[in-house]
């Protein structure tokens, strides 16, 4: 997550280590529900073969991520 100190907006970033692809999604605030929705939107753009495992930060903005594991088809 890239957070701007001058604004409430942030950028959610996902990087695949093997292919070195990076996907970005703007987030209006750091509330868990907003971040969860941004993750859904972002991951749907990633090919299924590249979204088998994910690791998320432990910040409160990722509090709802565990609810997405079965939806996204990832293993944490």
PDB file of N, CA and C in Angstrom:
ATOM      1  N   UNK A   1       0.839  -1.154   0.000  1.00  0.00           N
ATOM      2  CA  UNK A   1       0.000   0.000   0.000  1.00  0.00           C
ATOM      3  C   UNK A   1       0.896   1.233   0.000  1.00  0.00           C
ATOM      4  N   UNK A   2       0.640   2.126  -0.902  1.00  0.00           N
ATOM      5  CA  UNK A   2       1.370   3.385  -0.983  1.00  0.00           C
ATOM      6  C   UNK A   2       0.442   4.472  -0.454  1.00  0.00           C
ATOM      7  N   UNK A   3       0.847   5.125   0.616  1.00  0.00           N
ATOM      8  CA  UNK A   3      -0.002   6.105   1.282  1.00  0.00           C
ATOM      9  C   UNK A   3       0.607   7.484   1.125  1.00  0.00           C
ATOM     10  N   UNK A   4      -0.220   8.441   0.726  1.00  0.00           N
ATOM     11  CA  UNK A   4       0.220   9.819   0.570  1.00  0.00           C
ATOM     12  C   UNK A   4      -0.027  10.580   1.870  1.00  0.00           C
ATOM     13  N   UNK A   5       0.960  11.260   2.360  1.00  0.00           N
ATOM     14  CA  UNK A   5       0.803  12.004   3.613  1.00  0.00           C
ATOM     15  C   UNK A   5      -0.012  13.278   3.420  1.00  0.00           C
ATOM     16  N   UNK A   6      -0.167  13.742   2.198  1.00  0.00           N
ATOM     17  CA  UNK A   6      -0.894  14.972   1.911  1.00  0.00           C
ATOM     18  C   UNK A   6      -2.369  14.742   1.594  1.00  0.00           C
ATOM     19  N   UNK A   7      -2.774  13.497   1.428  1.00  0.00           N
ATOM     20  CA  UNK A   7      -4.136  13.178   0.994  1.00  0.00           C
ATOM     21  C   UNK A   7      -4.617  11.903   1.676  1.00  0.00           C
ATOM     22  N   UNK A   8      -5.914  11.670   1.623  1.00  0.00           N
ATOM     23  CA  UNK A   8      -6.477  10.426   2.164  1.00  0.00           C
ATOM     24  C   UNK A   8      -6.407   9.296   1.143  1.00  0.00           C
ATOM     25  N   UNK A   9      -6.114   9.626  -0.095  1.00  0.00           N
ATOM     26  CA  UNK A   9      -6.040   8.600  -1.125  1.00  0.00           C
ATOM     27  C   UNK A   9      -4.747   7.805  -1.005  1.00  0.00           C
ATOM     28  N   UNK A  10      -4.844   6.553  -1.435  1.00  0.00           N
ATOM     29  CA  UNK A  10      -3.692   5.651  -1.409  1.00  0.00           C
ATOM     30  C   UNK A  10      -3.694   4.823  -2.680  1.00  0.00           C
ATOM     31  N   UNK A  11      -2.635   4.072  -2.870  1.00  0.00           N
ATOM     32  CA  UNK A  11      -2.535   3.173  -4.014  1.00  0.00           C
ATOM     33  C   UNK A  11      -2.257   1.776  -3.492  1.00  0.00           C
ATOM     34  N   UNK A  12      -3.115   0.852  -3.873  1.00  0.00           N
ATOM     35  CA  UNK A  12      -2.931  -0.554  -3.544  1.00  0.00           C
ATOM     36  C   UNK A  12      -2.049  -1.149  -4.636  1.00  0.00           C
ATOM     37  N   UNK A  13      -0.982  -1.811  -4.249  1.00  0.00           N
ATOM     38  CA  UNK A  13      -0.078  -2.387  -5.244  1.00  0.00           C
ATOM     39  C   UNK A  13       0.048  -3.886  -5.021  1.00  0.00           C
ATOM     40  N   UNK A  14       0.063  -4.610  -6.138  1.00  0.00           N
ATOM     41  CA  UNK A  14       0.271  -6.057  -6.124  1.00  0.00           C
ATOM     42  C   UNK A  14       1.392  -6.340  -7.109  1.00  0.00           C
ATOM     43  N   UNK A  15       2.373  -7.078  -6.646  1.00  0.00           N
ATOM     44  CA  UNK A  15       3.525  -7.392  -7.497  1.00  0.00           C
ATOM     45  C   UNK A  15       3.744  -8.894  -7.523  1.00  0.00           C
ATOM     46  N   UNK A  16       3.887  -9.418  -8.730  1.00  0.00           N
ATOM     47  CA  UNK A  16       4.212 -10.822  -8.908  1.00  0.00           C
ATOM     48  C   UNK A  16       5.726 -10.942  -8.999  1.00  0.00           C
ATOM     49  N   UNK A  17       6.314 -11.674  -8.084  1.00  0.00           N
ATOM     50  CA  UNK A  17       7.773 -11.771  -8.029  1.00  0.00           C
ATOM     51  C   UNK A  17       8.370 -12.495  -9.234  1.00  0.00           C
ATOM     52  N   UNK A  18       7.683 -13.522  -9.685  1.00  0.00           N
ATOM     53  CA  UNK A  18       8.238 -14.333 -10.771  1.00  0.00           C
ATOM     54  C   UNK A  18       8.226 -13.582 -12.108  1.00  0.00           C
ATOM     55  N   UNK A  19       7.078 -13.018 -12.480  1.00  0.00           N
ATOM     56  CA  UNK A  19       6.964 -12.333 -13.772  1.00  0.00           C
ATOM     57  C   UNK A  19       7.340 -10.860 -13.695  1.00  0.00           C
ATOM     58  N   UNK A  20       7.432 -10.335 -12.474  1.00  0.00           N
ATOM     59  CA  UNK A  20       7.731  -8.924 -12.215  1.00  0.00           C
ATOM     60  C   UNK A  20       6.643  -7.972 -12.689  1.00  0.00           C
ATOM     61  N   UNK A  21       5.440  -8.482 -12.897  1.00  0.00           N
ATOM     62  CA  UNK A  21       4.304  -7.617 -13.219  1.00  0.00           C
ATOM     63  C   UNK A  21       3.863  -6.886 -11.955  1.00  0.00           C
ATOM     64  N   UNK A  22       3.380  -5.665 -12.133  1.00  0.00           N
ATOM     65  CA  UNK A  22       2.841  -4.886 -11.020  1.00  0.00           C
ATOM     66  C   UNK A  22       1.484  -4.339 -11.435  1.00  0.00           C
ATOM     67  N   UNK A  23       0.514  -4.462 -10.540  1.00  0.00           N
ATOM     68  CA  UNK A  23      -0.827  -3.932 -10.763  1.00  0.00           C
ATOM     69  C   UNK A  23      -1.115  -2.915  -9.670  1.00  0.00           C
ATOM     70  N   UNK A  24      -1.740  -1.795 -10.040  1.00  0.00           N
ATOM     71  CA  UNK A  24      -2.046  -0.725  -9.098  1.00  0.00           C
ATOM     72  C   UNK A  24      -3.531  -0.394  -9.128  1.00  0.00           C
ATOM     73  N   UNK A  25      -4.060  -0.014  -7.981  1.00  0.00           N
ATOM     74  CA  UNK A  25      -5.461   0.384  -7.878  1.00  0.00           C
ATOM     75  C   UNK A  25      -5.557   1.521  -6.869  1.00  0.00           C
ATOM     76  N   UNK A  26      -6.220   2.613  -7.254  1.00  0.00           N
ATOM     77  CA  UNK A  26      -6.422   3.731  -6.332  1.00  0.00           C
ATOM     78  C   UNK A  26      -7.439   3.356  -5.263  1.00  0.00           C
ATOM     79  N   UNK A  27      -7.198   3.843  -4.048  1.00  0.00           N
ATOM     80  CA  UNK A  27      -8.085   3.601  -2.910  1.00  0.00           C
ATOM     81  C   UNK A  27      -8.411   4.962  -2.304  1.00  0.00           C
ATOM     82  N   UNK A  28      -9.706   5.240  -2.117  1.00  0.00           N
ATOM     83  CA  UNK A  28     -10.131   6.548  -1.610  1.00  0.00           C
ATOM     84  C   UNK A  28      -9.795   6.774  -0.135  1.00  0.00           C
ATOM     85  N   UNK A  29      -9.776   5.697   0.645  1.00  0.00           N
ATOM     86  CA  UNK A  29      -9.445   5.810   2.068  1.00  0.00           C
ATOM     87  C   UNK A  29      -8.895   4.468   2.533  1.00  0.00           C
ATOM     88  N   UNK A  30      -8.460   4.407   3.770  1.00  0.00           N
ATOM     89  CA  UNK A  30      -7.841   3.186   4.283  1.00  0.00           C
ATOM     90  C   UNK A  30      -8.782   2.346   5.132  1.00  0.00           C
ATOM     91  N   UNK A  31     -10.074   2.516   4.965  1.00  0.00           N
ATOM     92  CA  UNK A  31     -11.036   1.680   5.682  1.00  0.00           C
ATOM     93  C   UNK A  31     -10.988   0.266   5.110  1.00  0.00           C
ATOM     94  N   UNK A  32     -11.149  -0.716   5.984  1.00  0.00           N
ATOM     95  CA  UNK A  32     -11.022  -2.122   5.583  1.00  0.00           C
ATOM     96  C   UNK A  32     -11.971  -2.483   4.442  1.00  0.00           C
ATOM     97  N   UNK A  33     -13.212  -1.990   4.493  1.00  0.00           N
ATOM     98  CA  UNK A  33     -14.189  -2.313   3.449  1.00  0.00           C
ATOM     99  C   UNK A  33     -13.761  -1.722   2.100  1.00  0.00           C
ATOM    100  N   UNK A  34     -13.249  -0.525   2.097  1.00  0.00           N
ATOM    101  CA  UNK A  34     -12.786   0.121   0.862  1.00  0.00           C
ATOM    102  C   UNK A  34     -11.595  -0.623   0.278  1.00  0.00           C
ATOM    103  N   UNK A  35     -10.673  -1.017   1.119  1.00  0.00           N
ATOM    104  CA  UNK A  35      -9.492  -1.756   0.660  1.00  0.00           C
ATOM    105  C   UNK A  35      -9.910  -3.124   0.126  1.00  0.00           C
ATOM    106  N   UNK A  36     -10.851  -3.791   0.803  1.00  0.00           N
ATOM    107  CA  UNK A  36     -11.340  -5.092   0.329  1.00  0.00           C
ATOM    108  C   UNK A  36     -11.928  -4.966  -1.074  1.00  0.00           C
ATOM    109  N   UNK A  37     -12.745  -3.928  -1.304  1.00  0.00           N
ATOM    110  CA  UNK A  37     -13.344  -3.722  -2.622  1.00  0.00           C
ATOM    111  C   UNK A  37     -12.278  -3.435  -3.682  1.00  0.00           C
ATOM    112  N   UNK A  38     -11.245  -2.690  -3.306  1.00  0.00           N
ATOM    113  CA  UNK A  38     -10.158  -2.404  -4.244  1.00  0.00           C
ATOM    114  C   UNK A  38      -9.381  -3.672  -4.581  1.00  0.00           C
ATOM    115  N   UNK A  39      -9.191  -4.535  -3.593  1.00  0.00           N
ATOM    116  CA  UNK A  39      -8.495  -5.802  -3.845  1.00  0.00           C
ATOM    117  C   UNK A  39      -9.286  -6.655  -4.825  1.00  0.00           C
ATOM    118  N   UNK A  40     -10.591  -6.724  -4.649  1.00  0.00           N
ATOM    119  CA  UNK A  40     -11.438  -7.498  -5.569  1.00  0.00           C
ATOM    120  C   UNK A  40     -11.304  -6.952  -6.986  1.00  0.00           C
ATOM    121  N   UNK A  41     -11.400  -5.645  -7.125  1.00  0.00           N
ATOM    122  CA  UNK A  41     -11.307  -5.015  -8.438  1.00  0.00           C
ATOM    123  C   UNK A  41      -9.945  -5.271  -9.083  1.00  0.00           C
ATOM    124  N   UNK A  42      -8.898  -5.157  -8.296  1.00  0.00           N
ATOM    125  CA  UNK A  42      -7.547  -5.339  -8.808  1.00  0.00           C
ATOM    126  C   UNK A  42      -7.268  -6.788  -9.180  1.00  0.00           C
ATOM    127  N   UNK A  43      -7.619  -7.707  -8.317  1.00  0.00           N
ATOM    128  CA  UNK A  43      -7.301  -9.122  -8.549  1.00  0.00           C
ATOM    129  C   UNK A  43      -8.052  -9.681  -9.748  1.00  0.00           C
ATOM    130  N   UNK A  44      -9.204  -9.144 -10.055  1.00  0.00           N
ATOM    131  CA  UNK A  44      -9.940  -9.622 -11.223  1.00  0.00           C
ATOM    132  C   UNK A  44      -9.198  -9.318 -12.519  1.00  0.00           C
ATOM    133  N   UNK A  45      -8.251  -8.385 -12.488  1.00  0.00           N
ATOM    134  CA  UNK A  45      -7.443  -8.066 -13.670  1.00  0.00           C
ATOM    135  C   UNK A  45      -6.224  -8.979 -13.793  1.00  0.00           C
ATOM    136  N   UNK A  46      -5.914  -9.709 -12.732  1.00  0.00           N
ATOM    137  CA  UNK A  46      -4.736 -10.576 -12.720  1.00  0.00           C
ATOM    138  C   UNK A  46      -5.125 -11.966 -13.221  1.00  0.00           C
ATOM    139  N   UNK A  47      -4.367 -12.545 -14.135  1.00  0.00           N
ATOM    140  CA  UNK A  47      -4.677 -13.887 -14.623  1.00  0.00           C
ATOM    141  C   UNK A  47      -4.715 -14.890 -13.461  1.00  0.00           C
ATOM    142  N   UNK A  48      -5.668 -15.824 -13.468  1.00  0.00           N
ATOM    143  CA  UNK A  48      -5.794 -16.796 -12.371  1.00  0.00           C
ATOM    144  C   UNK A  48      -4.507 -17.556 -12.069  1.00  0.00           C
ATOM    145  N   UNK A  49      -3.712 -17.805 -13.068  1.00  0.00           N
ATOM    146  CA  UNK A  49      -2.473 -18.554 -12.838  1.00  0.00           C
ATOM    147  C   UNK A  49      -1.465 -17.767 -11.999  1.00  0.00           C
ATOM    148  N   UNK A  50      -1.631 -16.455 -11.917  1.00  0.00           N
ATOM    149  CA  UNK A  50      -0.704 -15.621 -11.153  1.00  0.00           C
ATOM    150  C   UNK A  50      -1.241 -15.230  -9.780  1.00  0.00           C
ATOM    151  N   UNK A  51      -2.449 -15.648  -9.439  1.00  0.00           N
ATOM    152  CA  UNK A  51      -3.012 -15.255  -8.147  1.00  0.00           C
ATOM    153  C   UNK A  51      -3.224 -16.433  -7.203  1.00  0.00           C
ATOM    154  N   UNK A  52      -2.321 -17.354  -7.224  1.00  0.00           N
ATOM    155  CA  UNK A  52      -2.469 -18.536  -6.383  1.00  0.00           C
ATOM    156  C   UNK A  52      -2.074 -18.291  -4.939  1.00  0.00           C
ATOM    157  N   UNK A  53      -1.105 -17.426  -4.709  1.00  0.00           N
ATOM    158  CA  UNK A  53      -0.705 -17.096  -3.341  1.00  0.00           C
ATOM    159  C   UNK A  53      -0.628 -15.585  -3.195  1.00  0.00           C
ATOM    160  N   UNK A  54      -1.001 -15.114  -2.040  1.00  0.00           N
ATOM    161  CA  UNK A  54      -0.941 -13.679  -1.748  1.00  0.00           C
ATOM    162  C   UNK A  54      -0.498 -13.486  -0.309  1.00  0.00           C
ATOM    163  N   UNK A  55       0.227 -12.427  -0.090  1.00  0.00           N
ATOM    164  CA  UNK A  55       0.629 -12.045   1.250  1.00  0.00           C
ATOM    165  C   UNK A  55       0.231 -10.590   1.439  1.00  0.00           C
ATOM    166  N   UNK A  56      -0.461 -10.311   2.521  1.00  0.00           N
ATOM    167  CA  UNK A  56      -0.924  -8.958   2.782  1.00  0.00           C
ATOM    168  C   UNK A  56      -0.264  -8.413   4.037  1.00  0.00           C
ATOM    169  N   UNK A  57      -0.162  -7.088   4.090  1.00  0.00           N
ATOM    170  CA  UNK A  57       0.356  -6.444   5.290  1.00  0.00           C
ATOM    171  C   UNK A  57      -0.596  -6.696   6.455  1.00  0.00           C
ATOM    172  N   UNK A  58      -0.138  -6.403   7.655  1.00  0.00           N
ATOM    173  CA  UNK A  58      -0.944  -6.643   8.848  1.00  0.00           C
ATOM    174  C   UNK A  58      -1.686  -5.409   9.341  1.00  0.00           C
ATOM    175  N   UNK A  59      -1.727  -4.362   8.548  1.00  0.00           N
ATOM    176  CA  UNK A  59      -2.416  -3.136   8.942  1.00  0.00           C
ATOM    177  C   UNK A  59      -3.914  -3.336   9.046  1.00  0.00           C
ATOM    178  N   UNK A  60      -4.564  -2.451   9.775  1.00  0.00           N
ATOM    179  CA  UNK A  60      -6.019  -2.555   9.981  1.00  0.00           C
ATOM    180  C   UNK A  60      -6.793  -2.416   8.678  1.00  0.00           C
ATOM    181  N   UNK A  61      -6.201  -1.788   7.652  1.00  0.00           N
ATOM    182  CA  UNK A  61      -6.883  -1.657   6.369  1.00  0.00           C
ATOM    183  C   UNK A  61      -7.057  -3.002   5.672  1.00  0.00           C
ATOM    184  N   UNK A  62      -6.293  -4.022   6.092  1.00  0.00           N
ATOM    185  CA  UNK A  62      -6.403  -5.357   5.510  1.00  0.00           C
ATOM    186  C   UNK A  62      -7.190  -6.315   6.407  1.00  0.00           C
ATOM    187  N   UNK A  63      -7.974  -5.785   7.330  1.00  0.00           N
ATOM    188  CA  UNK A  63      -8.703  -6.605   8.304  1.00  0.00           C
ATOM    189  C   UNK A  63      -9.704  -7.554   7.645  1.00  0.00           C
ATOM    190  N   UNK A  64     -10.238  -7.214   6.495  1.00  0.00           N
ATOM    191  CA  UNK A  64     -11.264  -8.033   5.840  1.00  0.00           C
ATOM    192  C   UNK A  64     -10.697  -8.935   4.749  1.00  0.00           C
ATOM    193  N   UNK A  65      -9.393  -9.004   4.606  1.00  0.00           N
ATOM    194  CA  UNK A  65      -8.766  -9.787   3.542  1.00  0.00           C
ATOM    195  C   UNK A  65      -9.052 -11.271   3.679  1.00  0.00           C
ATOM    196  N   UNK A  66      -9.093 -11.784   4.921  1.00  0.00           N
ATOM    197  CA  UNK A  66      -9.326 -13.226   5.107  1.00  0.00           C
ATOM    198  C   UNK A  66     -10.667 -13.657   4.516  1.00  0.00           C
ATOM    199  N   UNK A  67     -11.622 -12.741   4.401  1.00  0.00           N
ATOM    200  CA  UNK A  67     -12.924 -13.051   3.807  1.00  0.00           C
ATOM    201  C   UNK A  67     -12.819 -13.271   2.298  1.00  0.00           C
ATOM    202  N   UNK A  68     -11.731 -12.839   1.696  1.00  0.00           N
ATOM    203  CA  UNK A  68     -11.574 -12.915   0.249  1.00  0.00           C
ATOM    204  C   UNK A  68     -10.877 -14.168  -0.240  1.00  0.00           C
ATOM    205  N   UNK A  69     -10.257 -14.920   0.637  1.00  0.00           N
ATOM    206  CA  UNK A  69      -9.435 -16.044   0.203  1.00  0.00           C
ATOM    207  C   UNK A  69     -10.179 -17.015  -0.700  1.00  0.00           C
ATOM    208  N   UNK A  70     -11.352 -17.457  -0.304  1.00  0.00           N
ATOM    209  CA  UNK A  70     -12.093 -18.403  -1.149  1.00  0.00           C
ATOM    210  C   UNK A  70     -12.633 -17.725  -2.390  1.00  0.00           C
ATOM    211  N   UNK A  71     -13.051 -16.476  -2.269  1.00  0.00           N
ATOM    212  CA  UNK A  71     -13.559 -15.728  -3.433  1.00  0.00           C
ATOM    213  C   UNK A  71     -12.482 -15.548  -4.501  1.00  0.00           C
ATOM    214  N   UNK A  72     -11.280 -15.228  -4.052  1.00  0.00           N
ATOM    215  CA  UNK A  72     -10.195 -14.976  -4.983  1.00  0.00           C
ATOM    216  C   UNK A  72      -9.476 -16.242  -5.420  1.00  0.00           C
ATOM    217  N   UNK A  73      -9.656 -17.317  -4.672  1.00  0.00           N
ATOM    218  CA  UNK A  73      -8.975 -18.572  -4.992  1.00  0.00           C
ATOM    219  C   UNK A  73      -7.503 -18.518  -4.681  1.00  0.00           C
ATOM    220  N   UNK A  74      -7.164 -17.862  -3.557  1.00  0.00           N
ATOM    221  CA  UNK A  74      -5.762 -17.757  -3.178  1.00  0.00           C
ATOM    222  C   UNK A  74      -5.526 -18.466  -1.852  1.00  0.00           C
ATOM    223  N   UNK A  75      -4.289 -18.787  -1.602  1.00  0.00           N
ATOM    224  CA  UNK A  75      -3.853 -19.375  -0.355  1.00  0.00           C
ATOM    225  C   UNK A  75      -2.948 -18.369   0.318  1.00  0.00           C
ATOM    226  N   UNK A  76      -3.200 -18.081   1.569  1.00  0.00           N
ATOM    227  CA  UNK A  76      -2.383 -17.097   2.271  1.00  0.00           C
ATOM    228  C   UNK A  76      -1.281 -17.795   3.029  1.00  0.00           C
TER     229      UNK A  76
END
